[in-house]
Amino acid sequence: MAVRRIVKKKARRKEPETFADGVARGLRMAARSARKTARMYGTPLYFWENGRVVARKP
């Protein structure tokens, strides 16, 4: 019976993100959460399009 070795991968170092990258990621997460909540409760989402505020159903 052969013995298997588990090879652990080394964690890859990430470059530190800039403040702007962190803000962009946070906004995307907030938008995803807002869309999910709107779908759950059937409320419209509001967007800014062509100089107007537009309500859309999710």
PDB file of N, CA and C in Angstrom:
ATOM      1  N   MET A   1       0.850  -1.166   0.000  1.00  0.00           N
ATOM      2  CA  MET A   1       0.000   0.000   0.000  1.00  0.00           C
ATOM      3  C   MET A   1       0.901   1.236   0.000  1.00  0.00           C
ATOM      4  N   ALA A   2       0.660   2.124  -0.934  1.00  0.00           N
ATOM      5  CA  ALA A   2       1.499   3.311  -1.064  1.00  0.00           C
ATOM      6  C   ALA A   2       1.085   4.376  -0.053  1.00  0.00           C
ATOM      7  N   VAL A   3       2.064   5.081   0.435  1.00  0.00           N
ATOM      8  CA  VAL A   3       1.808   6.151   1.393  1.00  0.00           C
ATOM      9  C   VAL A   3       1.759   7.471   0.620  1.00  0.00           C
ATOM     10  N   ARG A   4       0.701   8.204   0.817  1.00  0.00           N
ATOM     11  CA  ARG A   4       0.561   9.490   0.129  1.00  0.00           C
ATOM     12  C   ARG A   4       1.020  10.613   1.039  1.00  0.00           C
ATOM     13  N   ARG A   5       1.718  11.526   0.445  1.00  0.00           N
ATOM     14  CA  ARG A   5       2.136  12.704   1.202  1.00  0.00           C
ATOM     15  C   ARG A   5       1.273  13.873   0.794  1.00  0.00           C
ATOM     16  N   ILE A   6       0.884  14.639   1.740  1.00  0.00           N
ATOM     17  CA  ILE A   6       0.114  15.836   1.464  1.00  0.00           C
ATOM     18  C   ILE A   6       1.098  16.991   1.363  1.00  0.00           C
ATOM     19  N   VAL A   7       1.098  17.617   0.210  1.00  0.00           N
ATOM     20  CA  VAL A   7       1.996  18.735  -0.020  1.00  0.00           C
ATOM     21  C   VAL A   7       1.211  20.015   0.209  1.00  0.00           C
ATOM     22  N   LYS A   8       1.661  20.786   1.142  1.00  0.00           N
ATOM     23  CA  LYS A   8       0.986  22.028   1.460  1.00  0.00           C
ATOM     24  C   LYS A   8       1.522  23.136   0.566  1.00  0.00           C
ATOM     25  N   LYS A   9       0.602  23.845  -0.091  1.00  0.00           N
ATOM     26  CA  LYS A   9       1.024  24.937  -0.961  1.00  0.00           C
ATOM     27  C   LYS A   9       1.392  26.144  -0.118  1.00  0.00           C
ATOM     28  N   LYS A  10       2.414  26.837  -0.563  1.00  0.00           N
ATOM     29  CA  LYS A  10       2.799  28.054   0.139  1.00  0.00           C
ATOM     30  C   LYS A  10       1.812  29.156  -0.187  1.00  0.00           C
ATOM     31  N   ALA A  11       1.488  29.934   0.807  1.00  0.00           N
ATOM     32  CA  ALA A  11       0.573  31.045   0.600  1.00  0.00           C
ATOM     33  C   ALA A  11       1.254  32.094  -0.277  1.00  0.00           C
ATOM     34  N   ARG A  12       0.549  32.502  -1.307  1.00  0.00           N
ATOM     35  CA  ARG A  12       1.097  33.493  -2.214  1.00  0.00           C
ATOM     36  C   ARG A  12       0.927  34.877  -1.600  1.00  0.00           C
ATOM     37  N   ARG A  13       1.978  35.641  -1.616  1.00  0.00           N
ATOM     38  CA  ARG A  13       1.902  36.977  -1.043  1.00  0.00           C
ATOM     39  C   ARG A  13       1.131  37.893  -1.969  1.00  0.00           C
ATOM     40  N   LYS A  14       0.202  38.611  -1.380  1.00  0.00           N
ATOM     41  CA  LYS A  14      -0.564  39.579  -2.137  1.00  0.00           C
ATOM     42  C   LYS A  14       0.088  40.935  -1.992  1.00  0.00           C
ATOM     43  N   GLU A  15       0.014  41.691  -3.048  1.00  0.00           N
ATOM     44  CA  GLU A  15       0.500  43.062  -2.934  1.00  0.00           C
ATOM     45  C   GLU A  15      -0.522  43.832  -2.123  1.00  0.00           C
ATOM     46  N   PRO A  16      -0.085  44.727  -1.272  1.00  0.00           N
ATOM     47  CA  PRO A  16      -1.051  45.500  -0.491  1.00  0.00           C
ATOM     48  C   PRO A  16      -1.912  46.343  -1.421  1.00  0.00           C
ATOM     49  N   GLU A  17      -3.226  46.313  -1.174  1.00  0.00           N
ATOM     50  CA  GLU A  17      -4.106  47.073  -2.045  1.00  0.00           C
ATOM     51  C   GLU A  17      -4.091  48.544  -1.659  1.00  0.00           C
ATOM     52  N   THR A  18      -4.349  49.365  -2.633  1.00  0.00           N
ATOM     53  CA  THR A  18      -4.401  50.794  -2.365  1.00  0.00           C
ATOM     54  C   THR A  18      -5.722  51.127  -1.689  1.00  0.00           C
ATOM     55  N   PHE A  19      -5.815  52.302  -1.154  1.00  0.00           N
ATOM     56  CA  PHE A  19      -7.048  52.738  -0.506  1.00  0.00           C
ATOM     57  C   PHE A  19      -8.192  52.737  -1.505  1.00  0.00           C
ATOM     58  N   ALA A  20      -7.942  53.214  -2.714  1.00  0.00           N
ATOM     59  CA  ALA A  20      -8.981  53.273  -3.741  1.00  0.00           C
ATOM     60  C   ALA A  20      -9.464  51.873  -4.106  1.00  0.00           C
ATOM     61  N   ASP A  21      -8.560  50.891  -4.174  1.00  0.00           N
ATOM     62  CA  ASP A  21      -8.965  49.517  -4.467  1.00  0.00           C
ATOM     63  C   ASP A  21      -9.869  48.975  -3.360  1.00  0.00           C
ATOM     64  N   GLY A  22      -9.544  49.282  -2.133  1.00  0.00           N
ATOM     65  CA  GLY A  22     -10.365  48.843  -1.011  1.00  0.00           C
ATOM     66  C   GLY A  22     -11.746  49.466  -1.025  1.00  0.00           C
ATOM     67  N   VAL A  23     -11.806  50.744  -1.369  1.00  0.00           N
ATOM     68  CA  VAL A  23     -13.100  51.433  -1.454  1.00  0.00           C
ATOM     69  C   VAL A  23     -13.942  50.837  -2.574  1.00  0.00           C
ATOM     70  N   ALA A  24     -13.328  50.591  -3.729  1.00  0.00           N
ATOM     71  CA  ALA A  24     -14.055  50.007  -4.859  1.00  0.00           C
ATOM     72  C   ALA A  24     -14.601  48.630  -4.494  1.00  0.00           C
ATOM     73  N   ARG A  25     -13.793  47.837  -3.818  1.00  0.00           N
ATOM     74  CA  ARG A  25     -14.248  46.502  -3.409  1.00  0.00           C
ATOM     75  C   ARG A  25     -15.420  46.618  -2.442  1.00  0.00           C
ATOM     76  N   GLY A  26     -15.336  47.551  -1.502  1.00  0.00           N
ATOM     77  CA  GLY A  26     -16.424  47.758  -0.543  1.00  0.00           C
ATOM     78  C   GLY A  26     -17.713  48.200  -1.212  1.00  0.00           C
ATOM     79  N   LEU A  27     -17.605  49.062  -2.219  1.00  0.00           N
ATOM     80  CA  LEU A  27     -18.799  49.513  -2.941  1.00  0.00           C
ATOM     81  C   LEU A  27     -19.437  48.364  -3.719  1.00  0.00           C
ATOM     82  N   ARG A  28     -18.623  47.522  -4.327  1.00  0.00           N
ATOM     83  CA  ARG A  28     -19.180  46.372  -5.053  1.00  0.00           C
ATOM     84  C   ARG A  28     -19.897  45.425  -4.093  1.00  0.00           C
ATOM     85  N   MET A  29     -19.308  45.211  -2.917  1.00  0.00           N
ATOM     86  CA  MET A  29     -19.943  44.345  -1.926  1.00  0.00           C
ATOM     87  C   MET A  29     -21.261  44.935  -1.436  1.00  0.00           C
ATOM     88  N   ALA A  30     -21.295  46.253  -1.227  1.00  0.00           N
ATOM     89  CA  ALA A  30     -22.509  46.917  -0.772  1.00  0.00           C
ATOM     90  C   ALA A  30     -23.602  46.849  -1.839  1.00  0.00           C
ATOM     91  N   ALA A  31     -23.222  47.012  -3.103  1.00  0.00           N
ATOM     92  CA  ALA A  31     -24.198  46.941  -4.188  1.00  0.00           C
ATOM     93  C   ALA A  31     -24.778  45.536  -4.289  1.00  0.00           C
ATOM     94  N   ARG A  32     -23.933  44.524  -4.146  1.00  0.00           N
ATOM     95  CA  ARG A  32     -24.407  43.138  -4.199  1.00  0.00           C
ATOM     96  C   ARG A  32     -25.402  42.876  -3.072  1.00  0.00           C
ATOM     97  N   SER A  33     -25.091  43.382  -1.886  1.00  0.00           N
ATOM     98  CA  SER A  33     -25.967  43.201  -0.741  1.00  0.00           C
ATOM     99  C   SER A  33     -27.296  43.936  -0.948  1.00  0.00           C
ATOM    100  N   ALA A  34     -27.245  45.141  -1.519  1.00  0.00           N
ATOM    101  CA  ALA A  34     -28.463  45.912  -1.768  1.00  0.00           C
ATOM    102  C   ALA A  34     -29.352  45.205  -2.786  1.00  0.00           C
ATOM    103  N   ARG A  35     -28.747  44.638  -3.842  1.00  0.00           N
ATOM    104  CA  ARG A  35     -29.541  43.907  -4.840  1.00  0.00           C
ATOM    105  C   ARG A  35     -30.200  42.681  -4.221  1.00  0.00           C
ATOM    106  N   LYS A  36     -29.472  41.987  -3.363  1.00  0.00           N
ATOM    107  CA  LYS A  36     -30.017  40.802  -2.708  1.00  0.00           C
ATOM    108  C   LYS A  36     -31.189  41.166  -1.803  1.00  0.00           C
ATOM    109  N   THR A  37     -31.038  42.226  -1.024  1.00  0.00           N
ATOM    110  CA  THR A  37     -32.098  42.672  -0.123  1.00  0.00           C
ATOM    111  C   THR A  37     -33.319  43.128  -0.907  1.00  0.00           C
ATOM    112  N   ALA A  38     -33.113  43.855  -2.006  1.00  0.00           N
ATOM    113  CA  ALA A  38     -34.230  44.326  -2.827  1.00  0.00           C
ATOM    114  C   ALA A  38     -34.993  43.148  -3.431  1.00  0.00           C
ATOM    115  N   ARG A  39     -34.280  42.115  -3.858  1.00  0.00           N
ATOM    116  CA  ARG A  39     -34.949  40.927  -4.402  1.00  0.00           C
ATOM    117  C   ARG A  39     -35.776  40.229  -3.327  1.00  0.00           C
ATOM    118  N   MET A  40     -35.222  40.156  -2.109  1.00  0.00           N
ATOM    119  CA  MET A  40     -35.934  39.477  -1.025  1.00  0.00           C
ATOM    120  C   MET A  40     -37.253  40.155  -0.700  1.00  0.00           C
ATOM    121  N   TYR A  41     -37.248  41.481  -0.685  1.00  0.00           N
ATOM    122  CA  TYR A  41     -38.430  42.220  -0.263  1.00  0.00           C
ATOM    123  C   TYR A  41     -39.224  42.816  -1.419  1.00  0.00           C
ATOM    124  N   GLY A  42     -38.768  42.651  -2.632  1.00  0.00           N
ATOM    125  CA  GLY A  42     -39.504  43.141  -3.788  1.00  0.00           C
ATOM    126  C   GLY A  42     -39.523  44.658  -3.920  1.00  0.00           C
ATOM    127  N   THR A  43     -38.519  45.317  -3.404  1.00  0.00           N
ATOM    128  CA  THR A  43     -38.461  46.770  -3.504  1.00  0.00           C
ATOM    129  C   THR A  43     -37.620  47.175  -4.713  1.00  0.00           C
ATOM    130  N   PRO A  44     -37.886  48.339  -5.291  1.00  0.00           N
ATOM    131  CA  PRO A  44     -37.107  48.759  -6.461  1.00  0.00           C
ATOM    132  C   PRO A  44     -35.708  49.231  -6.083  1.00  0.00           C
ATOM    133  N   LEU A  45     -34.821  49.165  -7.066  1.00  0.00           N
ATOM    134  CA  LEU A  45     -33.484  49.727  -6.929  1.00  0.00           C
ATOM    135  C   LEU A  45     -33.469  51.032  -7.702  1.00  0.00           C
ATOM    136  N   TYR A  46     -32.773  52.019  -7.211  1.00  0.00           N
ATOM    137  CA  TYR A  46     -32.729  53.328  -7.849  1.00  0.00           C
ATOM    138  C   TYR A  46     -31.353  53.569  -8.445  1.00  0.00           C
ATOM    139  N   PHE A  47     -31.356  54.019  -9.704  1.00  0.00           N
ATOM    140  CA  PHE A  47     -30.128  54.285 -10.437  1.00  0.00           C
ATOM    141  C   PHE A  47     -30.165  55.691 -11.009  1.00  0.00           C
ATOM    142  N   TRP A  48     -29.013  56.245 -11.267  1.00  0.00           N
ATOM    143  CA  TRP A  48     -28.869  57.537 -11.914  1.00  0.00           C
ATOM    144  C   TRP A  48     -28.536  57.270 -13.382  1.00  0.00           C
ATOM    145  N   GLU A  49     -29.480  57.609 -14.277  1.00  0.00           N
ATOM    146  CA  GLU A  49     -29.277  57.391 -15.714  1.00  0.00           C
ATOM    147  C   GLU A  49     -29.689  58.640 -16.480  1.00  0.00           C
ATOM    148  N   ASN A  50     -28.827  59.089 -17.352  1.00  0.00           N
ATOM    149  CA  ASN A  50     -29.116  60.230 -18.226  1.00  0.00           C
ATOM    150  C   ASN A  50     -29.631  61.441 -17.452  1.00  0.00           C
ATOM    151  N   GLY A  51     -29.036  61.700 -16.302  1.00  0.00           N
ATOM    152  CA  GLY A  51     -29.410  62.878 -15.519  1.00  0.00           C
ATOM    153  C   GLY A  51     -30.700  62.727 -14.738  1.00  0.00           C
ATOM    154  N   ARG A  52     -31.225  61.537 -14.655  1.00  0.00           N
ATOM    155  CA  ARG A  52     -32.469  61.291 -13.917  1.00  0.00           C
ATOM    156  C   ARG A  52     -32.285  60.109 -12.977  1.00  0.00           C
ATOM    157  N   VAL A  53     -33.111  60.076 -11.945  1.00  0.00           N
ATOM    158  CA  VAL A  53     -33.152  58.929 -11.047  1.00  0.00           C
ATOM    159  C   VAL A  53     -34.214  57.992 -11.575  1.00  0.00           C
ATOM    160  N   VAL A  54     -33.839  56.728 -11.782  1.00  0.00           N
ATOM    161  CA  VAL A  54     -34.729  55.738 -12.368  1.00  0.00           C
ATOM    162  C   VAL A  54     -34.891  54.578 -11.399  1.00  0.00           C
ATOM    163  N   ALA A  55     -36.148  54.138 -11.179  1.00  0.00           N
ATOM    164  CA  ALA A  55     -36.415  53.002 -10.308  1.00  0.00           C
ATOM    165  C   ALA A  55     -36.547  51.758 -11.188  1.00  0.00           C
ATOM    166  N   ARG A  56     -35.872  50.686 -10.795  1.00  0.00           N
ATOM    167  CA  ARG A  56     -35.968  49.419 -11.513  1.00  0.00           C
ATOM    168  C   ARG A  56     -36.256  48.310 -10.545  1.00  0.00           C
ATOM    169  N   LYS A  57     -37.050  47.351 -11.002  1.00  0.00           N
ATOM    170  CA  LYS A  57     -37.303  46.177 -10.177  1.00  0.00           C
ATOM    171  C   LYS A  57     -36.123  45.226 -10.315  1.00  0.00           C
ATOM    172  N   PRO A  58     -35.729  44.602  -9.235  1.00  0.00           N
ATOM    173  CA  PRO A  58     -34.568  43.700  -9.288  1.00  0.00           C
ATOM    174  C   PRO A  58     -34.847  42.418 -10.043  1.00  0.00           C
TER     175      PRO A  58
END
